[in-house]
Amino acid sequence: MKGNVNSDRHRQTQRRVVEIQGQQSQEFVIGGYTPGNPLDAVIVGYYDDQKLIYAAKVRNGFVPRLRREVWQKLKPLEMASCPFANLPEKKRTQFSLTREEMKNCIWLKPQLVAADRVYRMDA
């Protein structure tokens, strides 16, 4: 017996397919990280008019083995100064990086690129 196209289950299945097809990838430049076993998050940004602009701290997707592998690639790129033109941020938000938080950051020469998948959720 075939399902009814107008059934609730069919609409749920259609919605899941749309979400998967809406997948996009965005590339970001890695400009730093926050330490923690051996790293907690990477700090990423993008170039705008030759300036590296802070975008976010990324923590998701780092299992312990991957944290060690990424940290080994980042370690040789360490430098003393922050490469982001728009830091520190003045206003505290969920994604901001304030002057106080920057004290814990390890800054990197912006030479590595990370791809982050963005899922568009259509209702």
N, C-alpha and C. Protein backbone atom coordinates (compact mmCIF):
# COMPACT_ATOMS: atom_id res chain seq x y z
N MET A 1 0.83 -1.17 0.00
CA MET A 1 0.00 0.00 0.00
C MET A 1 0.89 1.25 0.00
N LYS A 2 0.67 2.16 -0.89
CA LYS A 2 1.44 3.39 -0.98
C LYS A 2 0.87 4.44 -0.03
N GLY A 3 1.76 5.33 0.47
CA GLY A 3 1.34 6.38 1.38
C GLY A 3 0.62 7.51 0.67
N ASN A 4 -0.18 8.20 1.38
CA ASN A 4 -0.92 9.34 0.87
C ASN A 4 0.02 10.55 0.81
N VAL A 5 0.06 11.22 -0.33
CA VAL A 5 0.93 12.38 -0.52
C VAL A 5 0.58 13.49 0.47
N ASN A 6 -0.65 13.57 0.90
CA ASN A 6 -1.08 14.62 1.81
C ASN A 6 -0.97 14.21 3.28
N SER A 7 -0.44 13.03 3.56
CA SER A 7 -0.36 12.57 4.94
C SER A 7 0.70 13.35 5.72
N ASP A 8 0.57 13.36 7.06
CA ASP A 8 1.54 14.04 7.92
C ASP A 8 2.93 13.45 7.74
N ARG A 9 3.03 12.13 7.64
CA ARG A 9 4.34 11.47 7.48
C ARG A 9 5.02 11.93 6.19
N HIS A 10 4.26 12.03 5.10
CA HIS A 10 4.84 12.47 3.83
C HIS A 10 5.37 13.89 3.95
N ARG A 11 4.62 14.77 4.60
CA ARG A 11 5.07 16.15 4.78
C ARG A 11 6.35 16.21 5.62
N GLN A 12 6.46 15.38 6.65
CA GLN A 12 7.66 15.33 7.49
C GLN A 12 8.86 14.86 6.67
N THR A 13 8.67 13.85 5.84
CA THR A 13 9.75 13.33 5.00
C THR A 13 10.19 14.39 4.00
N GLN A 14 9.24 15.06 3.37
CA GLN A 14 9.57 16.12 2.42
C GLN A 14 10.40 17.21 3.10
N ARG A 15 10.05 17.57 4.30
CA ARG A 15 10.74 18.62 5.02
C ARG A 15 12.18 18.22 5.31
N ARG A 16 12.41 16.98 5.70
CA ARG A 16 13.77 16.52 5.97
C ARG A 16 14.62 16.58 4.70
N VAL A 17 14.07 16.21 3.58
CA VAL A 17 14.80 16.25 2.32
C VAL A 17 15.19 17.68 1.99
N VAL A 18 14.29 18.62 2.17
CA VAL A 18 14.59 20.03 1.91
C VAL A 18 15.74 20.49 2.78
N GLU A 19 15.73 20.12 4.06
CA GLU A 19 16.80 20.54 4.96
C GLU A 19 18.15 19.99 4.51
N ILE A 20 18.21 18.76 4.10
CA ILE A 20 19.47 18.15 3.66
C ILE A 20 19.95 18.80 2.38
N GLN A 21 19.04 19.06 1.46
CA GLN A 21 19.42 19.69 0.21
C GLN A 21 19.84 21.14 0.40
N GLY A 22 19.43 21.75 1.49
CA GLY A 22 19.76 23.14 1.76
C GLY A 22 21.15 23.31 2.37
N GLN A 23 21.92 22.26 2.47
CA GLN A 23 23.24 22.29 3.07
C GLN A 23 24.19 23.16 2.26
N GLN A 24 24.91 24.05 2.95
CA GLN A 24 25.89 24.90 2.30
C GLN A 24 27.19 24.81 3.09
N SER A 25 28.28 25.16 2.46
CA SER A 25 29.56 25.17 3.14
C SER A 25 30.16 26.56 3.06
N GLN A 26 30.70 27.02 4.17
CA GLN A 26 31.31 28.34 4.24
C GLN A 26 32.75 28.16 4.70
N GLU A 27 33.69 28.79 4.04
CA GLU A 27 35.08 28.71 4.45
C GLU A 27 35.44 29.89 5.32
N PHE A 28 36.21 29.61 6.38
CA PHE A 28 36.67 30.63 7.31
C PHE A 28 38.17 30.48 7.50
N VAL A 29 38.84 31.58 7.79
CA VAL A 29 40.27 31.59 8.08
C VAL A 29 40.42 31.40 9.59
N ILE A 30 41.33 30.52 9.99
CA ILE A 30 41.59 30.29 11.41
C ILE A 30 42.63 31.30 11.88
N GLY A 31 42.24 32.13 12.86
CA GLY A 31 43.13 33.18 13.35
C GLY A 31 43.54 33.00 14.80
N GLY A 32 43.04 31.93 15.43
CA GLY A 32 43.41 31.70 16.81
C GLY A 32 42.66 30.51 17.38
N TYR A 33 42.94 30.23 18.66
CA TYR A 33 42.21 29.18 19.36
C TYR A 33 42.23 29.46 20.85
N THR A 34 41.32 28.81 21.55
CA THR A 34 41.32 28.88 23.00
C THR A 34 41.83 27.54 23.50
N PRO A 35 42.81 27.55 24.42
CA PRO A 35 43.40 26.30 24.89
C PRO A 35 42.45 25.50 25.77
N GLY A 36 42.71 24.19 25.80
CA GLY A 36 41.92 23.28 26.64
C GLY A 36 41.95 21.87 26.11
N ASN A 37 42.90 21.08 26.50
CA ASN A 37 42.99 19.63 26.25
C ASN A 37 43.06 19.22 24.79
N PRO A 38 43.93 19.58 23.95
CA PRO A 38 44.82 20.74 24.02
C PRO A 38 44.16 22.03 23.51
N LEU A 39 43.01 21.91 22.81
CA LEU A 39 42.31 23.13 22.39
C LEU A 39 40.82 22.97 22.64
N ASP A 40 40.18 24.11 22.95
CA ASP A 40 38.75 24.10 23.25
C ASP A 40 37.94 24.54 22.03
N ALA A 41 38.41 25.59 21.36
CA ALA A 41 37.68 26.13 20.19
C ALA A 41 38.66 26.82 19.26
N VAL A 42 38.33 26.85 17.98
CA VAL A 42 39.11 27.65 17.03
C VAL A 42 38.38 28.96 16.82
N ILE A 43 39.15 30.01 16.58
CA ILE A 43 38.60 31.34 16.37
C ILE A 43 38.75 31.65 14.89
N VAL A 44 37.63 31.88 14.24
CA VAL A 44 37.64 32.00 12.78
C VAL A 44 37.10 33.35 12.31
N GLY A 45 37.47 33.69 11.08
CA GLY A 45 37.00 34.93 10.48
C GLY A 45 37.05 34.85 8.97
N TYR A 46 36.87 35.99 8.33
CA TYR A 46 36.85 36.09 6.88
C TYR A 46 37.50 37.41 6.48
N TYR A 47 37.98 37.48 5.26
CA TYR A 47 38.60 38.70 4.78
C TYR A 47 37.57 39.63 4.15
N ASP A 48 37.69 40.92 4.49
CA ASP A 48 36.88 41.97 3.90
C ASP A 48 37.81 43.16 3.67
N ASP A 49 38.03 43.52 2.42
CA ASP A 49 38.96 44.61 2.08
C ASP A 49 40.33 44.42 2.73
N GLN A 50 40.90 43.28 2.58
CA GLN A 50 42.25 42.96 3.08
C GLN A 50 42.35 42.91 4.61
N LYS A 51 41.22 42.98 5.31
CA LYS A 51 41.22 42.90 6.77
C LYS A 51 40.56 41.60 7.20
N LEU A 52 41.17 40.93 8.17
CA LEU A 52 40.57 39.71 8.71
C LEU A 52 39.54 40.11 9.77
N ILE A 53 38.28 39.72 9.55
CA ILE A 53 37.17 40.09 10.42
C ILE A 53 36.75 38.86 11.23
N TYR A 54 36.69 39.02 12.55
CA TYR A 54 36.26 37.93 13.45
C TYR A 54 34.82 37.54 13.15
N ALA A 55 34.57 36.22 13.09
CA ALA A 55 33.21 35.72 12.85
C ALA A 55 32.67 34.93 14.04
N ALA A 56 33.49 34.00 14.59
CA ALA A 56 32.97 33.13 15.66
C ALA A 56 34.06 32.28 16.28
N LYS A 57 33.70 31.71 17.42
CA LYS A 57 34.48 30.63 18.03
C LYS A 57 33.75 29.34 17.66
N VAL A 58 34.48 28.35 17.19
CA VAL A 58 33.85 27.09 16.75
C VAL A 58 34.33 25.96 17.66
N ARG A 59 33.36 25.32 18.31
CA ARG A 59 33.68 24.22 19.23
C ARG A 59 33.10 22.88 18.77
N ASN A 60 32.03 22.91 18.00
CA ASN A 60 31.34 21.67 17.61
C ASN A 60 32.18 20.82 16.68
N GLY A 61 32.05 19.49 16.83
CA GLY A 61 32.68 18.55 15.91
C GLY A 61 34.09 18.15 16.28
N PHE A 62 34.59 18.62 17.41
CA PHE A 62 35.96 18.29 17.80
C PHE A 62 35.97 17.13 18.80
N VAL A 63 36.12 15.92 18.30
CA VAL A 63 36.33 14.77 19.18
C VAL A 63 37.78 14.82 19.64
N PRO A 64 38.14 14.14 20.75
CA PRO A 64 39.50 14.25 21.29
C PRO A 64 40.63 14.02 20.28
N ARG A 65 40.51 13.01 19.45
CA ARG A 65 41.57 12.73 18.46
C ARG A 65 41.72 13.90 17.49
N LEU A 66 40.61 14.44 17.02
CA LEU A 66 40.64 15.56 16.08
C LEU A 66 41.21 16.82 16.74
N ARG A 67 40.89 17.04 18.01
CA ARG A 67 41.45 18.18 18.74
C ARG A 67 42.98 18.12 18.73
N ARG A 68 43.53 16.95 19.00
CA ARG A 68 45.00 16.80 19.01
C ARG A 68 45.58 17.02 17.63
N GLU A 69 44.95 16.48 16.59
CA GLU A 69 45.44 16.64 15.21
C GLU A 69 45.42 18.10 14.78
N VAL A 70 44.33 18.79 15.06
CA VAL A 70 44.21 20.20 14.68
C VAL A 70 45.23 21.02 15.46
N TRP A 71 45.36 20.77 16.74
CA TRP A 71 46.29 21.53 17.58
C TRP A 71 47.72 21.39 17.08
N GLN A 72 48.10 20.18 16.63
CA GLN A 72 49.46 19.98 16.10
C GLN A 72 49.70 20.82 14.85
N LYS A 73 48.67 21.04 14.05
CA LYS A 73 48.82 21.87 12.85
C LYS A 73 48.84 23.36 13.19
N LEU A 74 48.15 23.74 14.27
CA LEU A 74 48.06 25.14 14.65
C LEU A 74 49.29 25.62 15.42
N LYS A 75 49.88 24.75 16.21
CA LYS A 75 50.99 25.11 17.10
C LYS A 75 52.11 25.88 16.39
N PRO A 76 52.60 25.45 15.22
CA PRO A 76 53.69 26.18 14.55
C PRO A 76 53.30 27.57 14.04
N LEU A 77 52.00 27.87 13.98
CA LEU A 77 51.53 29.15 13.44
C LEU A 77 51.31 30.20 14.53
N GLU A 78 51.62 29.88 15.77
CA GLU A 78 51.36 30.81 16.87
C GLU A 78 52.15 32.11 16.71
N MET A 79 51.50 33.22 17.11
CA MET A 79 52.14 34.53 17.09
C MET A 79 51.60 35.35 18.27
N ALA A 80 52.24 36.47 18.56
CA ALA A 80 51.90 37.24 19.75
C ALA A 80 50.67 38.12 19.61
N SER A 81 50.40 38.65 18.43
CA SER A 81 49.33 39.63 18.29
C SER A 81 48.08 39.05 17.62
N CYS A 82 46.95 39.67 17.92
CA CYS A 82 45.66 39.27 17.37
C CYS A 82 45.58 39.68 15.90
N PRO A 83 45.23 38.75 14.99
CA PRO A 83 45.16 39.08 13.56
C PRO A 83 43.82 39.70 13.12
N PHE A 84 42.84 39.75 14.01
CA PHE A 84 41.51 40.23 13.65
C PHE A 84 41.40 41.74 13.80
N ALA A 85 40.90 42.40 12.76
CA ALA A 85 40.80 43.86 12.75
C ALA A 85 39.69 44.39 13.66
N ASN A 86 38.66 43.59 13.91
CA ASN A 86 37.50 44.09 14.66
C ASN A 86 37.45 43.60 16.11
N LEU A 87 38.57 43.18 16.66
CA LEU A 87 38.59 42.74 18.06
C LEU A 87 39.41 43.71 18.89
N PRO A 88 39.08 43.88 20.17
CA PRO A 88 37.98 43.23 20.89
C PRO A 88 36.63 43.87 20.57
N GLU A 89 35.59 43.09 20.80
CA GLU A 89 34.25 43.62 20.62
C GLU A 89 33.82 44.32 21.90
N LYS A 90 33.08 45.38 21.74
CA LYS A 90 32.67 46.17 22.90
C LYS A 90 31.47 45.57 23.63
N LYS A 91 30.54 45.02 22.88
CA LYS A 91 29.30 44.50 23.44
C LYS A 91 29.40 42.98 23.65
N ARG A 92 28.98 42.51 24.79
CA ARG A 92 29.01 41.07 25.11
C ARG A 92 27.76 40.40 24.55
N THR A 93 27.98 39.43 23.65
CA THR A 93 26.89 38.60 23.13
C THR A 93 27.34 37.15 23.24
N GLN A 94 26.49 36.24 22.82
CA GLN A 94 26.81 34.81 22.87
C GLN A 94 28.05 34.49 22.02
N PHE A 95 28.25 35.22 20.92
CA PHE A 95 29.33 34.90 20.00
C PHE A 95 30.48 35.89 20.05
N SER A 96 30.41 36.88 20.93
CA SER A 96 31.43 37.92 20.96
C SER A 96 32.73 37.43 21.60
N LEU A 97 33.75 38.23 21.41
CA LEU A 97 35.06 37.96 22.02
C LEU A 97 35.53 39.29 22.61
N THR A 98 35.43 39.40 23.93
CA THR A 98 35.75 40.65 24.61
C THR A 98 37.24 40.72 24.94
N ARG A 99 37.69 41.89 25.38
CA ARG A 99 39.10 42.09 25.76
C ARG A 99 39.51 41.08 26.84
N GLU A 100 38.63 40.86 27.81
CA GLU A 100 38.94 39.92 28.90
C GLU A 100 39.09 38.49 28.36
N GLU A 101 38.19 38.07 27.48
CA GLU A 101 38.26 36.73 26.89
C GLU A 101 39.49 36.57 25.99
N MET A 102 39.91 37.66 25.37
CA MET A 102 41.06 37.61 24.46
C MET A 102 42.36 37.27 25.20
N LYS A 103 42.40 37.53 26.50
CA LYS A 103 43.60 37.22 27.29
C LYS A 103 43.90 35.72 27.29
N ASN A 104 42.88 34.90 27.11
CA ASN A 104 43.05 33.44 27.10
C ASN A 104 43.31 32.87 25.71
N CYS A 105 43.26 33.69 24.67
CA CYS A 105 43.38 33.20 23.29
C CYS A 105 44.84 33.05 22.87
N ILE A 106 45.08 32.07 22.04
CA ILE A 106 46.36 31.88 21.38
C ILE A 106 46.15 32.33 19.93
N TRP A 107 46.93 33.33 19.49
CA TRP A 107 46.74 33.89 18.14
C TRP A 107 47.61 33.16 17.13
N LEU A 108 47.12 33.10 15.90
CA LEU A 108 47.80 32.37 14.83
C LEU A 108 47.99 33.24 13.60
N LYS A 109 49.05 32.92 12.85
CA LYS A 109 49.19 33.50 11.52
C LYS A 109 48.03 32.97 10.70
N PRO A 110 47.26 33.83 10.06
CA PRO A 110 46.06 33.39 9.34
C PRO A 110 46.39 32.69 8.02
N GLN A 111 46.82 31.43 8.11
CA GLN A 111 47.24 30.68 6.93
C GLN A 111 46.38 29.46 6.65
N LEU A 112 45.58 29.01 7.62
CA LEU A 112 44.76 27.82 7.44
C LEU A 112 43.29 28.19 7.27
N VAL A 113 42.60 27.41 6.46
CA VAL A 113 41.18 27.63 6.19
C VAL A 113 40.39 26.44 6.72
N ALA A 114 39.26 26.74 7.34
CA ALA A 114 38.35 25.70 7.83
C ALA A 114 37.02 25.85 7.11
N ALA A 115 36.39 24.73 6.78
CA ALA A 115 35.06 24.77 6.16
C ALA A 115 34.04 24.42 7.23
N ASP A 116 32.99 25.19 7.29
CA ASP A 116 31.92 24.95 8.25
C ASP A 116 30.64 24.74 7.47
N ARG A 117 29.94 23.67 7.78
CA ARG A 117 28.66 23.41 7.09
C ARG A 117 27.54 24.15 7.76
N VAL A 118 26.72 24.77 6.94
CA VAL A 118 25.58 25.52 7.42
C VAL A 118 24.33 24.82 6.90
N TYR A 119 23.42 24.50 7.80
CA TYR A 119 22.18 23.84 7.41
C TYR A 119 21.04 24.86 7.46
N ARG A 120 20.36 25.01 6.36
CA ARG A 120 19.24 25.93 6.31
C ARG A 120 17.99 25.18 6.71
N MET A 121 17.27 25.70 7.66
CA MET A 121 16.06 25.04 8.15
C MET A 121 14.84 25.78 7.61
N ASP A 122 14.16 25.16 6.68
CA ASP A 122 12.94 25.74 6.11
C ASP A 122 11.74 25.17 6.84
N ALA A 123 10.86 26.05 7.27
CA ALA A 123 9.67 25.59 7.98
C ALA A 123 8.56 25.27 7.00
